[in-house]
N, C-alpha and C. Protein backbone atom coordinates (compact mmCIF):
# COMPACT_ATOMS: atom_id res chain seq x y z
N MET A 1 11.03 19.26 22.94
CA MET A 1 10.13 19.19 22.21
C MET A 1 10.07 17.21 21.67
N ALA A 2 8.99 16.53 21.86
CA ALA A 2 7.77 15.95 20.96
C ALA A 2 7.66 15.57 20.13
N THR A 3 8.10 14.22 19.30
CA THR A 3 7.94 13.77 18.11
C THR A 3 6.58 13.20 17.99
N ARG A 4 6.06 13.21 16.94
CA ARG A 4 4.12 12.71 16.73
C ARG A 4 4.62 11.93 15.66
N LYS A 5 4.24 10.83 15.44
CA LYS A 5 4.32 9.93 14.24
C LYS A 5 3.57 10.14 13.49
N LYS A 6 3.87 9.89 12.47
CA LYS A 6 2.92 10.45 10.96
C LYS A 6 1.98 9.70 11.12
N ALA A 7 0.36 9.87 10.80
CA ALA A 7 -0.67 8.90 10.84
C ALA A 7 -0.58 8.37 9.38
N PRO A 8 -0.74 6.87 9.29
CA PRO A 8 -0.91 6.10 8.48
C PRO A 8 -1.68 6.61 7.45
N LEU A 9 -1.29 6.98 6.16
CA LEU A 9 -2.87 7.70 5.29
C LEU A 9 -3.45 6.04 4.92
N ASP A 10 -4.77 6.34 4.69
CA ASP A 10 -5.76 5.17 4.71
C ASP A 10 -5.35 4.27 3.62
N PHE A 11 -5.08 2.77 3.36
CA PHE A 11 -4.84 2.09 2.59
C PHE A 11 -5.17 2.48 0.81
N GLU A 12 -6.54 2.54 0.80
CA GLU A 12 -7.68 2.79 0.24
C GLU A 12 -6.84 4.40 -0.54
N GLN A 13 -7.21 5.29 -0.01
CA GLN A 13 -6.72 6.46 -0.68
C GLN A 13 -5.53 6.41 -1.39
N SER A 14 -4.47 5.40 -0.28
CA SER A 14 -3.11 6.28 -1.39
C SER A 14 -3.14 4.99 -2.47
N LEU A 15 -3.72 3.91 -2.51
CA LEU A 15 -3.94 3.39 -3.96
C LEU A 15 -4.64 4.02 -4.77
N ALA A 16 -5.64 4.26 -4.42
CA ALA A 16 -6.00 5.83 -6.02
C ALA A 16 -5.40 6.35 -5.82
N GLU A 17 -4.58 7.40 -5.10
CA GLU A 17 -3.46 8.31 -5.28
C GLU A 17 -2.17 7.36 -6.51
N LEU A 18 -2.32 6.14 -6.24
CA LEU A 18 -1.16 5.84 -7.07
C LEU A 18 -1.79 5.67 -7.95
N GLN A 19 -3.01 5.15 -8.62
CA GLN A 19 -3.72 5.26 -9.53
C GLN A 19 -3.97 6.43 -10.52
N GLN A 20 -4.31 7.46 -10.13
CA GLN A 20 -4.25 8.67 -10.38
C GLN A 20 -2.45 9.04 -11.02
N LEU A 21 -1.65 8.64 -9.90
CA LEU A 21 -0.45 9.26 -11.04
C LEU A 21 -0.30 8.42 -11.56
N VAL A 22 -0.32 7.03 -11.93
CA VAL A 22 0.29 6.37 -12.82
C VAL A 22 -0.87 6.78 -13.97
N GLU A 23 -1.69 7.12 -14.36
CA GLU A 23 -2.89 7.75 -15.41
C GLU A 23 -2.11 9.19 -15.86
N ARG A 24 -1.42 9.77 -15.19
CA ARG A 24 -0.89 10.90 -15.40
C ARG A 24 0.39 10.56 -15.89
N LEU A 25 1.61 9.79 -15.48
CA LEU A 25 2.37 9.78 -16.31
C LEU A 25 2.00 8.44 -17.50
N GLU A 26 1.25 8.03 -17.71
CA GLU A 26 0.90 7.33 -18.84
C GLU A 26 0.21 8.43 -20.05
N GLY A 27 0.30 9.41 -19.40
CA GLY A 27 -0.96 10.19 -20.11
C GLY A 27 -0.28 11.07 -21.18
N GLY A 28 1.35 11.27 -20.69
CA GLY A 28 2.30 11.50 -21.35
C GLY A 28 2.49 13.45 -21.69
N GLU A 29 1.85 14.15 -20.61
CA GLU A 29 1.50 15.39 -20.77
C GLU A 29 2.46 16.53 -19.87
N LEU A 30 2.98 15.57 -18.61
CA LEU A 30 3.99 16.08 -17.79
C LEU A 30 5.13 16.27 -18.23
N SER A 31 6.02 17.35 -18.27
CA SER A 31 7.35 17.43 -18.00
C SER A 31 7.91 16.55 -17.18
N LEU A 32 9.01 16.56 -17.91
CA LEU A 32 9.88 15.43 -17.52
C LEU A 32 10.56 16.37 -15.79
N GLU A 33 10.86 17.05 -15.61
CA GLU A 33 10.10 17.53 -14.19
C GLU A 33 9.50 17.14 -13.13
N GLU A 34 8.41 16.99 -13.79
CA GLU A 34 6.87 16.97 -13.21
C GLU A 34 6.51 14.99 -12.70
N SER A 35 7.31 14.16 -14.39
CA SER A 35 7.42 13.07 -14.30
C SER A 35 8.12 13.05 -13.13
N LEU A 36 9.11 12.98 -13.19
CA LEU A 36 10.31 12.61 -11.71
C LEU A 36 9.40 12.98 -10.51
N SER A 37 9.12 13.90 -10.54
CA SER A 37 8.42 14.68 -8.88
C SER A 37 6.96 13.32 -8.92
N ALA A 38 6.30 12.99 -10.20
CA ALA A 38 5.25 11.81 -9.94
C ALA A 38 5.87 10.26 -10.09
N PHE A 39 6.71 10.47 -9.85
CA PHE A 39 7.88 8.75 -10.51
C PHE A 39 7.70 8.85 -8.23
N GLU A 40 8.56 10.13 -8.07
CA GLU A 40 9.03 9.71 -6.56
C GLU A 40 7.64 9.81 -5.85
N GLN A 41 6.91 10.61 -5.84
CA GLN A 41 5.52 10.39 -5.21
C GLN A 41 4.72 8.89 -4.82
N GLY A 42 4.99 8.71 -6.42
CA GLY A 42 4.54 7.07 -6.31
C GLY A 42 5.22 6.31 -5.73
N ILE A 43 6.45 6.15 -5.59
CA ILE A 43 7.12 5.71 -4.54
C ILE A 43 7.35 5.54 -3.52
N ARG A 44 7.49 6.77 -2.83
CA ARG A 44 6.23 6.88 -1.41
C ARG A 44 4.88 6.01 -1.24
N LEU A 45 3.99 6.42 -2.18
CA LEU A 45 3.21 5.40 -1.70
C LEU A 45 2.74 4.09 -2.23
N THR A 46 3.70 3.66 -2.96
CA THR A 46 3.80 2.00 -3.07
C THR A 46 4.80 1.53 -1.55
N ARG A 47 5.50 2.32 -0.87
CA ARG A 47 6.33 1.87 0.30
C ARG A 47 4.59 2.19 1.65
N ASP A 48 4.52 2.90 1.49
CA ASP A 48 2.99 3.15 2.09
C ASP A 48 2.17 1.84 2.53
N CYS A 49 1.66 1.43 0.98
CA CYS A 49 0.73 0.56 0.54
C CYS A 49 1.12 -0.91 1.17
N GLN A 50 2.48 -0.73 0.49
CA GLN A 50 2.87 -1.91 1.23
C GLN A 50 3.28 -2.33 3.03
N GLY A 51 3.88 -1.67 3.33
CA GLY A 51 3.94 -1.36 4.84
C GLY A 51 2.64 -1.85 5.28
N ALA A 52 1.59 -1.42 4.52
CA ALA A 52 -0.30 -1.00 5.72
C ALA A 52 -0.47 -2.61 4.97
N LEU A 53 0.10 -3.42 3.89
CA LEU A 53 -0.51 -5.03 3.89
C LEU A 53 -0.04 -5.99 4.84
N GLY A 54 1.82 -5.53 5.18
CA GLY A 54 2.79 -6.16 5.82
C GLY A 54 2.36 -6.16 7.29
N GLN A 55 1.53 -5.23 7.49
CA GLN A 55 1.34 -4.83 8.81
C GLN A 55 -0.39 -5.45 8.54
N ALA A 56 -0.94 -6.16 8.03
CA ALA A 56 -2.08 -6.75 7.81
C ALA A 56 -2.36 -7.89 7.79
N GLU A 57 -1.02 -8.43 7.38
CA GLU A 57 -0.28 -9.81 6.98
C GLU A 57 -0.28 -10.30 8.63
N GLN A 58 0.35 -9.72 9.36
CA GLN A 58 1.09 -9.54 10.85
C GLN A 58 -0.19 -10.23 11.29
N LYS A 59 -1.33 -9.48 10.98
CA LYS A 59 -2.43 -9.34 12.36
C LYS A 59 -3.31 -10.63 12.03
N VAL A 60 -3.52 -10.97 10.12
CA VAL A 60 -3.75 -12.05 10.43
C VAL A 60 -3.34 -13.13 10.92
N GLN A 61 -1.87 -13.41 10.69
CA GLN A 61 -1.06 -14.51 11.36
C GLN A 61 -1.33 -14.91 12.91
N MET A 62 -1.25 -12.85 13.46
CA MET A 62 -1.32 -13.40 15.07
C MET A 62 -3.14 -13.73 15.79
N LEU A 63 -3.75 -13.64 14.32
CA LEU A 63 -5.60 -14.07 14.69
C LEU A 63 -5.31 -15.59 14.55
N LEU A 64 -5.02 -16.14 13.55
CA LEU A 64 -5.13 -17.36 12.96
C LEU A 64 -4.48 -18.55 14.33
N GLU A 65 -2.99 -17.60 15.38
CA GLU A 65 -2.67 -18.32 16.29
C GLU A 65 -3.02 -18.89 17.35
N ARG A 66 -3.33 -20.12 17.81
CA ARG A 66 -3.78 -20.48 18.32
C ARG A 66 -3.04 -21.32 19.36
N ASP A 67 -2.66 -21.81 20.44
CA ASP A 67 -2.49 -21.74 21.81
C ASP A 67 -0.25 -21.95 21.13
N GLY A 68 0.04 -21.09 21.15
CA GLY A 68 1.54 -20.63 20.51
C GLY A 68 1.27 -21.81 19.05
N GLU A 69 0.34 -21.95 18.11
CA GLU A 69 0.49 -23.07 16.82
C GLU A 69 0.07 -22.27 16.06
N THR A 70 0.31 -21.66 15.03
CA THR A 70 -0.14 -20.98 13.88
C THR A 70 -1.22 -22.16 12.86
N ARG A 71 -1.93 -22.06 12.63
CA ARG A 71 -2.97 -23.09 11.83
C ARG A 71 -2.85 -22.31 10.38
N THR A 72 -2.62 -22.60 9.43
CA THR A 72 -3.15 -22.04 8.08
C THR A 72 -4.34 -22.50 7.61
N GLU A 73 -4.76 -21.75 6.90
CA GLU A 73 -5.67 -21.98 5.58
C GLU A 73 -5.67 -21.49 4.92
N PRO A 74 -5.53 -22.33 3.46
CA PRO A 74 -6.08 -22.83 2.71
C PRO A 74 -6.40 -20.87 2.01
N PHE A 75 -6.24 -20.15 1.16
CA PHE A 75 -6.51 -19.17 0.54
C PHE A 75 -7.31 -19.13 -0.60
N GLU A 76 -8.61 -19.19 -1.30
CA GLU A 76 -9.60 -19.25 -2.36
C GLU A 76 -9.26 -17.67 -3.16
N ALA A 77 -8.72 -17.75 -4.01
CA ALA A 77 -9.11 -15.64 -4.62
C ALA A 77 -10.39 -16.38 -5.57
N ASP A 78 -11.05 -15.05 -5.00
CA ASP A 78 -12.25 -14.86 -6.19
C ASP A 78 -11.84 -14.80 -7.55
N ASP A 79 -12.31 -15.65 -8.20
CA ASP A 79 -11.48 -15.50 -9.82
C ASP A 79 -12.45 -14.52 -10.49
N GLN A 80 -13.56 -14.09 -10.11
CA GLN A 80 -14.44 -13.46 -11.10
C GLN A 80 -14.20 -11.66 -10.76
N ALA A 81 -13.25 -11.86 -11.82
CA ALA A 81 -12.50 -10.17 -12.18
C ALA A 81 -12.58 -9.90 -12.98
């Protein structure tokens, strides 16, 4: 029997789900059991997001690599938040 890899969730979708969970938890209307379940789901989503960010970082490093040398470029964040 062949095992299939779980398809990675879309980063933005995972982040939106995580935000909804946080809002539900902050609302204070969940029972203890529901809160624990939401927290557990939030941890999974956080790990998925961290994994996606790690993969994106690796891809950026590969794209910046030239002739076996990694070029570093300064990152300028947009301060208009």
